[in-house]
Amino acid sequence: MKAFHKYLEQDQKEVFFVARADSLPELFKECALAVEGAAISTETVQPKEQIKILGENATAAGLLFDFLDELVFFKDYKQLVFGNFEIDINEAAEKGDKFSLTCLAKGEKIHYIRHEPKADIKSVDKQRFKLENTERGWKAQVLLKI
């Protein structure tokens, strides 16, 4: 299956999307692109800066939530947006069966004209957040507060 994300609901307070992929790294990338794409036009982002994002969590769902929350942090605190992600996820027994993430995010400082701002993402909401491994691959649903 080709990895994808799709926005299902959007209003002045929130954006809800689903993403699907065959592997966890592909799914994390699609979710990251969906978060960035809800805020700006990702096609206009130039890879001027590289940020390494590391994470660890007991569950894949927790790791995804933390990762997406980190992207919102970088937008708010560092004024960075990203258009490209290289993601590696490991479930290593020596780490107590925790999932670990290494992501190289490429992007730049927000340019309010070129990036065509759409919404100011405030947070990732746990209300409708879900990650599951189905017969057809990985599926995530994410609610963003704006």
C-alpha atoms as a PDB file:
ATOM      1  CA  MET A   1       0.000   0.000   0.000  1.00  0.00           C
ATOM      2  CA  LYS A   2       1.203   3.503  -0.763  1.00  0.00           C
ATOM      3  CA  ALA A   3       1.481   5.516   2.444  1.00  0.00           C
ATOM      4  CA  PHE A   4      -0.954   8.440   2.678  1.00  0.00           C
ATOM      5  CA  HIS A   5      -2.748  10.839   4.972  1.00  0.00           C
ATOM      6  CA  LYS A   6      -6.185  12.386   4.559  1.00  0.00           C
ATOM      7  CA  TYR A   7      -7.879  15.250   6.377  1.00  0.00           C
ATOM      8  CA  LEU A   8     -11.396  14.207   7.379  1.00  0.00           C
ATOM      9  CA  GLU A   9     -12.601  17.164   9.423  1.00  0.00           C
ATOM     10  CA  GLN A  10     -11.417  20.729   9.747  1.00  0.00           C
ATOM     11  CA  ASP A  11     -12.966  23.778  11.368  1.00  0.00           C
ATOM     12  CA  GLN A  12     -11.762  26.846  13.241  1.00  0.00           C
ATOM     13  CA  LYS A  13     -10.831  24.851  16.357  1.00  0.00           C
ATOM     14  CA  GLU A  14      -9.472  21.512  15.165  1.00  0.00           C
ATOM     15  CA  VAL A  15      -8.184  19.349  12.331  1.00  0.00           C
ATOM     16  CA  PHE A  16      -8.776  15.592  12.253  1.00  0.00           C
ATOM     17  CA  PHE A  17      -6.824  13.288   9.940  1.00  0.00           C
ATOM     18  CA  VAL A  18      -6.089   9.628   9.321  1.00  0.00           C
ATOM     19  CA  ALA A  19      -2.879   8.141   7.956  1.00  0.00           C
ATOM     20  CA  ARG A  20      -2.001   4.668   6.690  1.00  0.00           C
ATOM     21  CA  ALA A  21       1.265   2.942   5.819  1.00  0.00           C
ATOM     22  CA  ASP A  22       2.852  -0.501   5.672  1.00  0.00           C
ATOM     23  CA  SER A  23       5.518   0.286   8.270  1.00  0.00           C
ATOM     24  CA  LEU A  24       5.792   2.407  11.401  1.00  0.00           C
ATOM     25  CA  PRO A  25       8.490   4.726   9.974  1.00  0.00           C
ATOM     26  CA  GLU A  26       6.310   5.406   6.913  1.00  0.00           C
ATOM     27  CA  LEU A  27       3.296   6.045   9.132  1.00  0.00           C
ATOM     28  CA  PHE A  28       5.236   8.444  11.367  1.00  0.00           C
ATOM     29  CA  LYS A  29       6.392  10.314   8.259  1.00  0.00           C
ATOM     30  CA  GLU A  30       2.830  10.609   6.908  1.00  0.00           C
ATOM     31  CA  CYS A  31       1.557  11.846  10.263  1.00  0.00           C
ATOM     32  CA  ALA A  32       4.388  14.396  10.450  1.00  0.00           C
ATOM     33  CA  LEU A  33       3.585  15.629   6.942  1.00  0.00           C
ATOM     34  CA  ALA A  34      -0.102  15.865   7.891  1.00  0.00           C
ATOM     35  CA  VAL A  35       0.688  17.945  10.997  1.00  0.00           C
ATOM     36  CA  GLU A  36       2.955  20.272   9.027  1.00  0.00           C
ATOM     37  CA  GLY A  37       0.509  20.343   6.099  1.00  0.00           C
ATOM     38  CA  ALA A  38      -2.351  21.410   8.359  1.00  0.00           C
ATOM     39  CA  ALA A  39      -0.307  24.483   9.304  1.00  0.00           C
ATOM     40  CA  ILE A  40       1.542  25.431   6.098  1.00  0.00           C
ATOM     41  CA  SER A  41       2.159  24.410   2.496  1.00  0.00           C
ATOM     42  CA  THR A  42       4.896  21.764   2.935  1.00  0.00           C
ATOM     43  CA  GLU A  43       5.874  21.877  -0.756  1.00  0.00           C
ATOM     44  CA  THR A  44       7.338  25.349  -0.203  1.00  0.00           C
ATOM     45  CA  VAL A  45       9.602  24.348   2.704  1.00  0.00           C
ATOM     46  CA  GLN A  46      13.291  24.353   1.843  1.00  0.00           C
ATOM     47  CA  PRO A  47      15.699  21.985   3.690  1.00  0.00           C
ATOM     48  CA  LYS A  48      17.904  24.768   5.103  1.00  0.00           C
ATOM     49  CA  GLU A  49      18.164  23.322   8.610  1.00  0.00           C
ATOM     50  CA  GLN A  50      18.323  19.780   9.965  1.00  0.00           C
ATOM     51  CA  ILE A  51      17.078  18.867  13.417  1.00  0.00           C
ATOM     52  CA  LYS A  52      17.559  15.479  15.030  1.00  0.00           C
ATOM     53  CA  ILE A  53      14.549  14.368  17.040  1.00  0.00           C
ATOM     54  CA  LEU A  54      14.964  11.439  19.431  1.00  0.00           C
ATOM     55  CA  GLY A  55      12.246   9.692  21.382  1.00  0.00           C
ATOM     56  CA  GLU A  56      11.480   6.633  23.426  1.00  0.00           C
ATOM     57  CA  ASN A  57       8.217   5.226  24.736  1.00  0.00           C
ATOM     58  CA  ALA A  58       6.811   1.932  25.968  1.00  0.00           C
ATOM     59  CA  THR A  59       4.190   1.957  23.182  1.00  0.00           C
ATOM     60  CA  ALA A  60       4.205   2.868  19.505  1.00  0.00           C
ATOM     61  CA  ALA A  61       1.138   5.062  20.095  1.00  0.00           C
ATOM     62  CA  GLY A  62       2.891   6.944  22.879  1.00  0.00           C
ATOM     63  CA  LEU A  63       5.961   7.409  20.695  1.00  0.00           C
ATOM     64  CA  LEU A  64       3.868   8.798  17.819  1.00  0.00           C
ATOM     65  CA  PHE A  65       2.013  11.178  20.128  1.00  0.00           C
ATOM     66  CA  ASP A  66       5.285  12.438  21.636  1.00  0.00           C
ATOM     67  CA  PHE A  67       6.848  12.860  18.170  1.00  0.00           C
ATOM     68  CA  LEU A  68       3.948  14.897  16.791  1.00  0.00           C
ATOM     69  CA  ASP A  69       3.869  16.986  19.959  1.00  0.00           C
ATOM     70  CA  GLU A  70       7.585  17.684  19.449  1.00  0.00           C
ATOM     71  CA  LEU A  71       6.883  19.018  15.940  1.00  0.00           C
ATOM     72  CA  VAL A  72       4.369  21.477  17.406  1.00  0.00           C
ATOM     73  CA  PHE A  73       7.014  22.490  19.973  1.00  0.00           C
ATOM     74  CA  PHE A  74       9.581  23.232  17.245  1.00  0.00           C
ATOM     75  CA  LYS A  75       7.041  25.384  15.397  1.00  0.00           C
ATOM     76  CA  ASP A  76       6.143  27.359  18.506  1.00  0.00           C
ATOM     77  CA  TYR A  77       9.521  27.635  20.227  1.00  0.00           C
ATOM     78  CA  LYS A  78      12.005  27.701  17.337  1.00  0.00           C
ATOM     79  CA  GLN A  79       9.642  28.903  14.564  1.00  0.00           C
ATOM     80  CA  LEU A  80      10.703  25.876  12.468  1.00  0.00           C
ATOM     81  CA  VAL A  81       8.582  24.008   9.944  1.00  0.00           C
ATOM     82  CA  PHE A  82       9.591  20.830   8.146  1.00  0.00           C
ATOM     83  CA  GLY A  83       8.904  19.327   4.750  1.00  0.00           C
ATOM     84  CA  ASN A  84      11.104  16.230   4.811  1.00  0.00           C
ATOM     85  CA  PHE A  85      11.589  13.495   7.392  1.00  0.00           C
ATOM     86  CA  GLU A  86      13.995  10.549   7.589  1.00  0.00           C
ATOM     87  CA  ILE A  87      12.665   8.265  10.310  1.00  0.00           C
ATOM     88  CA  ASP A  88      13.983   5.124  11.945  1.00  0.00           C
ATOM     89  CA  ILE A  89      12.062   3.252  14.644  1.00  0.00           C
ATOM     90  CA  ASN A  90      13.445   0.391  16.720  1.00  0.00           C
ATOM     91  CA  GLU A  91      11.861  -1.931  19.219  1.00  0.00           C
ATOM     92  CA  ALA A  92      14.926  -3.164  21.045  1.00  0.00           C
ATOM     93  CA  ALA A  93      14.769  -5.870  23.705  1.00  0.00           C
ATOM     94  CA  GLU A  94      17.833  -4.418  25.445  1.00  0.00           C
ATOM     95  CA  LYS A  95      15.859  -1.227  26.067  1.00  0.00           C
ATOM     96  CA  GLY A  96      13.129  -3.074  27.934  1.00  0.00           C
ATOM     97  CA  ASP A  97      10.979  -3.547  24.833  1.00  0.00           C
ATOM     98  CA  LYS A  98      10.585   0.199  24.357  1.00  0.00           C
ATOM     99  CA  PHE A  99      10.073   1.784  20.977  1.00  0.00           C
ATOM    100  CA  SER A 100      12.751   4.305  20.068  1.00  0.00           C
ATOM    101  CA  LEU A 101      12.700   6.958  17.374  1.00  0.00           C
ATOM    102  CA  THR A 102      15.441   8.727  15.482  1.00  0.00           C
ATOM    103  CA  CYS A 103      14.241  11.370  13.048  1.00  0.00           C
ATOM    104  CA  LEU A 104      16.171  13.780  10.891  1.00  0.00           C
ATOM    105  CA  ALA A 105      13.712  16.581  10.124  1.00  0.00           C
ATOM    106  CA  LYS A 106      14.650  19.023   7.370  1.00  0.00           C
ATOM    107  CA  GLY A 107      13.103  22.445   7.105  1.00  0.00           C
ATOM    108  CA  GLU A 108      13.503  26.119   7.833  1.00  0.00           C
ATOM    109  CA  LYS A 109      12.216  29.086   9.808  1.00  0.00           C
ATOM    110  CA  ILE A 110       8.604  29.959   9.068  1.00  0.00           C
ATOM    111  CA  HIS A 111       8.228  32.387   6.174  1.00  0.00           C
ATOM    112  CA  TYR A 112       4.712  33.756   6.530  1.00  0.00           C
ATOM    113  CA  ILE A 113       4.241  34.579   2.853  1.00  0.00           C
ATOM    114  CA  ARG A 114       6.023  31.740   1.046  1.00  0.00           C
ATOM    115  CA  HIS A 115       4.751  28.956   3.351  1.00  0.00           C
ATOM    116  CA  GLU A 116       1.118  30.016   2.930  1.00  0.00           C
ATOM    117  CA  PRO A 117      -0.046  29.646   6.568  1.00  0.00           C
ATOM    118  CA  LYS A 118      -3.303  27.743   7.002  1.00  0.00           C
ATOM    119  CA  ALA A 119      -3.747  27.208  10.757  1.00  0.00           C
ATOM    120  CA  ASP A 120      -1.775  27.640  13.959  1.00  0.00           C
ATOM    121  CA  ILE A 121      -1.556  24.153  15.472  1.00  0.00           C
ATOM    122  CA  LYS A 122      -1.648  24.478  19.263  1.00  0.00           C
ATOM    123  CA  SER A 123      -1.496  20.823  20.327  1.00  0.00           C
ATOM    124  CA  VAL A 124      -2.055  17.168  19.544  1.00  0.00           C
ATOM    125  CA  ASP A 125      -5.180  16.017  21.356  1.00  0.00           C
ATOM    126  CA  LYS A 126      -5.535  12.596  22.977  1.00  0.00           C
ATOM    127  CA  GLN A 127      -9.328  12.671  22.636  1.00  0.00           C
ATOM    128  CA  ARG A 128      -9.486  10.894  19.271  1.00  0.00           C
ATOM    129  CA  PHE A 129      -5.846   9.806  18.999  1.00  0.00           C
ATOM    130  CA  LYS A 130      -5.453   6.197  17.932  1.00  0.00           C
ATOM    131  CA  LEU A 131      -2.753   3.946  16.462  1.00  0.00           C
ATOM    132  CA  GLU A 132      -3.361   0.383  15.376  1.00  0.00           C
ATOM    133  CA  ASN A 133      -1.694  -2.364  13.387  1.00  0.00           C
ATOM    134  CA  THR A 134      -4.372  -3.789  11.081  1.00  0.00           C
ATOM    135  CA  GLU A 135      -4.343  -6.532   8.462  1.00  0.00           C
ATOM    136  CA  ARG A 136      -3.808  -3.783   5.872  1.00  0.00           C
ATOM    137  CA  GLY A 137      -0.894  -2.131   7.718  1.00  0.00           C
ATOM    138  CA  TRP A 138      -0.550   0.627  10.274  1.00  0.00           C
ATOM    139  CA  LYS A 139      -3.305   3.191  10.770  1.00  0.00           C
ATOM    140  CA  ALA A 140      -3.335   6.370  12.850  1.00  0.00           C
ATOM    141  CA  GLN A 141      -6.020   8.917  13.579  1.00  0.00           C
ATOM    142  CA  VAL A 142      -5.009  12.256  15.023  1.00  0.00           C
ATOM    143  CA  LEU A 143      -6.884  15.307  16.276  1.00  0.00           C
ATOM    144  CA  LEU A 144      -5.024  18.626  16.205  1.00  0.00           C
ATOM    145  CA  LYS A 145      -6.213  21.635  18.206  1.00  0.00           C
ATOM    146  CA  ILE A 146      -5.861  24.993  16.465  1.00  0.00           C
END
